[in-house]
C-alpha atoms as a PDB file:
ATOM      1  CA  MET A   1     104.466 109.032 170.183  1.00  0.00           C
ATOM      2  CA  PRO A   2     108.200 108.828 169.474  1.00  0.00           C
ATOM      3  CA  GLN A   3     109.056 108.253 173.166  1.00  0.00           C
ATOM      4  CA  PHE A   4     107.621 108.305 176.690  1.00  0.00           C
ATOM      5  CA  PRO A   5     107.113 110.220 178.886  1.00  0.00           C
ATOM      6  CA  SER A   6     105.806 112.691 176.354  1.00  0.00           C
ATOM      7  CA  VAL A   7     103.484 115.629 175.819  1.00  0.00           C
ATOM      8  CA  HIS A   8     101.116 115.719 172.855  1.00  0.00           C
ATOM      9  CA  PRO A   9     101.234 119.399 171.898  1.00  0.00           C
ATOM     10  CA  ARG A  10      98.026 121.173 171.006  1.00  0.00           C
ATOM     11  CA  ALA A  11      95.697 118.155 171.123  1.00  0.00           C
ATOM     12  CA  HIS A  12      92.131 119.171 170.230  1.00  0.00           C
ATOM     13  CA  LEU A  13      88.958 117.956 171.951  1.00  0.00           C
ATOM     14  CA  VAL A  14      85.814 118.939 170.043  1.00  0.00           C
ATOM     15  CA  LEU A  15      82.519 118.801 171.955  1.00  0.00           C
ATOM     16  CA  ARG A  16      78.897 119.213 170.958  1.00  0.00           C
ATOM     17  CA  VAL A  17      76.706 119.595 174.038  1.00  0.00           C
ATOM     18  CA  ARG A  18      72.986 119.083 173.554  1.00  0.00           C
ATOM     19  CA  GLY A  19      70.043 119.804 175.822  1.00  0.00           C
ATOM     20  CA  ARG A  20      66.353 120.606 175.975  1.00  0.00           C
ATOM     21  CA  ARG A  21      64.802 124.009 175.472  1.00  0.00           C
ATOM     22  CA  SER A  22      64.204 124.151 179.246  1.00  0.00           C
ATOM     23  CA  GLU A  23      68.005 124.148 179.748  1.00  0.00           C
ATOM     24  CA  ILE A  24      68.656 127.509 178.063  1.00  0.00           C
ATOM     25  CA  GLY A  25      71.258 129.501 179.965  1.00  0.00           C
ATOM     26  CA  ASP A  26      74.662 129.125 181.576  1.00  0.00           C
ATOM     27  CA  HIS A  27      75.986 125.728 182.756  1.00  0.00           C
ATOM     28  CA  SER A  28      79.201 124.605 184.446  1.00  0.00           C
ATOM     29  CA  MET A  29      81.472 122.084 182.742  1.00  0.00           C
ATOM     30  CA  ARG A  30      84.375 120.105 184.189  1.00  0.00           C
ATOM     31  CA  ILE A  31      86.923 118.216 182.104  1.00  0.00           C
ATOM     32  CA  ARG A  32      89.537 115.860 183.520  1.00  0.00           C
ATOM     33  CA  PHE A  33      92.210 113.912 181.629  1.00  0.00           C
ATOM     34  CA  VAL A  34      92.965 110.707 183.530  1.00  0.00           C
ATOM     35  CA  ASP A  35      95.179 107.648 183.164  1.00  0.00           C
ATOM     36  CA  ASP A  36      93.982 104.040 183.369  1.00  0.00           C
ATOM     37  CA  HIS A  37      94.189 104.147 187.184  1.00  0.00           C
ATOM     38  CA  GLY A  38      91.924 107.230 187.383  1.00  0.00           C
ATOM     39  CA  THR A  39      94.785 109.547 188.316  1.00  0.00           C
ATOM     40  CA  THR A  40      94.068 113.095 187.145  1.00  0.00           C
ATOM     41  CA  LEU A  41      96.798 114.362 184.812  1.00  0.00           C
ATOM     42  CA  LEU A  42      95.045 117.549 183.689  1.00  0.00           C
ATOM     43  CA  GLU A  43      91.776 119.232 184.656  1.00  0.00           C
ATOM     44  CA  GLY A  44      89.815 122.387 184.131  1.00  0.00           C
ATOM     45  CA  ASP A  45      86.466 124.020 184.758  1.00  0.00           C
ATOM     46  CA  GLY A  46      84.536 126.218 182.402  1.00  0.00           C
ATOM     47  CA  ARG A  47      81.105 127.384 181.307  1.00  0.00           C
ATOM     48  CA  VAL A  48      78.867 126.544 178.386  1.00  0.00           C
ATOM     49  CA  GLN A  49      75.993 128.778 177.268  1.00  0.00           C
ATOM     50  CA  PHE A  50      72.826 127.494 175.602  1.00  0.00           C
ATOM     51  CA  GLY A  51      71.190 130.277 173.607  1.00  0.00           C
ATOM     52  CA  GLU A  52      67.534 130.665 172.654  1.00  0.00           C
ATOM     53  CA  PRO A  53      66.804 128.403 169.644  1.00  0.00           C
ATOM     54  CA  PRO A  54      64.485 129.430 166.783  1.00  0.00           C
ATOM     55  CA  ALA A  55      60.736 129.052 167.298  1.00  0.00           C
ATOM     56  CA  GLY A  56      59.581 125.441 167.153  1.00  0.00           C
ATOM     57  CA  VAL A  57      63.012 123.973 167.943  1.00  0.00           C
ATOM     58  CA  THR A  58      62.914 121.862 171.102  1.00  0.00           C
ATOM     59  CA  GLU A  59      66.617 121.051 171.503  1.00  0.00           C
ATOM     60  CA  VAL A  60      69.508 123.395 172.158  1.00  0.00           C
ATOM     61  CA  GLU A  61      73.191 122.810 171.527  1.00  0.00           C
ATOM     62  CA  ALA A  62      76.535 124.450 171.998  1.00  0.00           C
ATOM     63  CA  GLY A  63      79.930 123.621 170.573  1.00  0.00           C
ATOM     64  CA  ALA A  64      83.401 123.895 172.034  1.00  0.00           C
ATOM     65  CA  VAL A  65      86.900 123.293 170.724  1.00  0.00           C
ATOM     66  CA  LEU A  66      89.416 122.821 173.521  1.00  0.00           C
ATOM     67  CA  VAL A  67      93.161 122.710 172.988  1.00  0.00           C
ATOM     68  CA  PHE A  68      95.473 120.980 175.460  1.00  0.00           C
ATOM     69  CA  ASP A  69      99.108 120.010 175.793  1.00  0.00           C
ATOM     70  CA  LEU A  70      98.399 116.436 176.937  1.00  0.00           C
ATOM     71  CA  PRO A  71     100.825 114.828 179.377  1.00  0.00           C
ATOM     72  CA  LEU A  72     101.414 111.175 178.430  1.00  0.00           C
ATOM     73  CA  PRO A  73     103.678 109.557 181.030  1.00  0.00           C
ATOM     74  CA  ALA A  74     103.602 106.083 179.431  1.00  0.00           C
ATOM     75  CA  PRO A  75     101.933 104.106 176.652  1.00  0.00           C
ATOM     76  CA  GLY A  76      98.446 102.998 177.652  1.00  0.00           C
ATOM     77  CA  GLN A  77      94.808 103.917 178.081  1.00  0.00           C
ATOM     78  CA  TYR A  78      93.677 107.426 178.998  1.00  0.00           C
ATOM     79  CA  ALA A  79      90.340 109.232 178.951  1.00  0.00           C
ATOM     80  CA  PHE A  80      88.741 112.638 179.049  1.00  0.00           C
ATOM     81  CA  GLU A  81      86.008 112.683 181.721  1.00  0.00           C
ATOM     82  CA  ILE A  82      83.452 115.411 181.032  1.00  0.00           C
ATOM     83  CA  SER A  83      80.615 116.460 183.330  1.00  0.00           C
ATOM     84  CA  LEU A  84      77.997 119.183 182.964  1.00  0.00           C
ATOM     85  CA  ASP A  85      76.505 120.861 186.054  1.00  0.00           C
ATOM     86  CA  ALA A  86      78.267 118.245 188.242  1.00  0.00           C
ATOM     87  CA  GLY A  87      75.891 115.630 186.806  1.00  0.00           C
ATOM     88  CA  ASP A  88      76.436 112.605 184.609  1.00  0.00           C
ATOM     89  CA  GLU A  89      80.009 111.986 183.499  1.00  0.00           C
ATOM     90  CA  TYR A  90      80.913 111.127 179.945  1.00  0.00           C
ATOM     91  CA  ARG A  91      84.187 109.467 178.907  1.00  0.00           C
ATOM     92  CA  VAL A  92      86.154 109.945 175.716  1.00  0.00           C
ATOM     93  CA  PRO A  93      88.827 107.211 175.567  1.00  0.00           C
ATOM     94  CA  LEU A  94      92.302 107.748 174.160  1.00  0.00           C
ATOM     95  CA  THR A  95      95.088 105.212 173.579  1.00  0.00           C
ATOM     96  CA  ALA A  96      98.724 106.321 173.569  1.00  0.00           C
ATOM     97  CA  ALA A  97     101.202 104.009 171.860  1.00  0.00           C
ATOM     98  CA  ALA A  98     104.823 104.144 170.838  1.00  0.00           C
ATOM     99  CA  MET A  99     105.548 104.288 167.144  1.00  0.00           C
ATOM    100  CA  PRO A 100     106.561 100.874 165.720  1.00  0.00           C
ATOM    101  CA  GLY A 101     110.261 100.208 166.204  1.00  0.00           C
ATOM    102  CA  GLN A 102     110.685 102.762 168.996  1.00  0.00           C
ATOM    103  CA  MET A 103     112.604 101.736 172.082  1.00  0.00           C
ATOM    104  CA  ALA A 104     111.149 101.520 175.594  1.00  0.00           C
ATOM    105  CA  GLY A 105     112.579 104.023 178.041  1.00  0.00           C
ATOM    106  CA  GLY A 106     116.042 103.958 176.492  1.00  0.00           C
ATOM    107  CA  GLU A 107     116.599 100.367 177.659  1.00  0.00           C
ATOM    108  CA  GLY A 108     117.236  99.073 174.162  1.00  0.00           C
ATOM    109  CA  ARG A 109     114.083  96.926 174.037  1.00  0.00           C
ATOM    110  CA  PRO A 110     111.375  97.561 171.444  1.00  0.00           C
ATOM    111  CA  LEU A 111     107.842  98.211 172.670  1.00  0.00           C
ATOM    112  CA  HIS A 112     105.319  95.483 171.809  1.00  0.00           C
END
């Protein structure tokens, strides 16, 4: 990013959700974007639908492309935390860094 705090406009998160044939139907999904302290910066709830697969296929899957304006208060580690039906949580890590040679917070010091 050129400077912090910042917002990454139109960041895309692409998901492929897989399940068993017995999980056909509608499921709840929760996505949180958190900083390295676990503070929620952005969150949302939605639904994912597993349709009937062709005969003989035992796994089902659904895809989603989500677009966010990501708030990035400072350089560091962030993560998307994704849960389906309030069950297991999956993390997608993200690192935000200043571009080389950019100054820290207008103080005249380069970020390292």
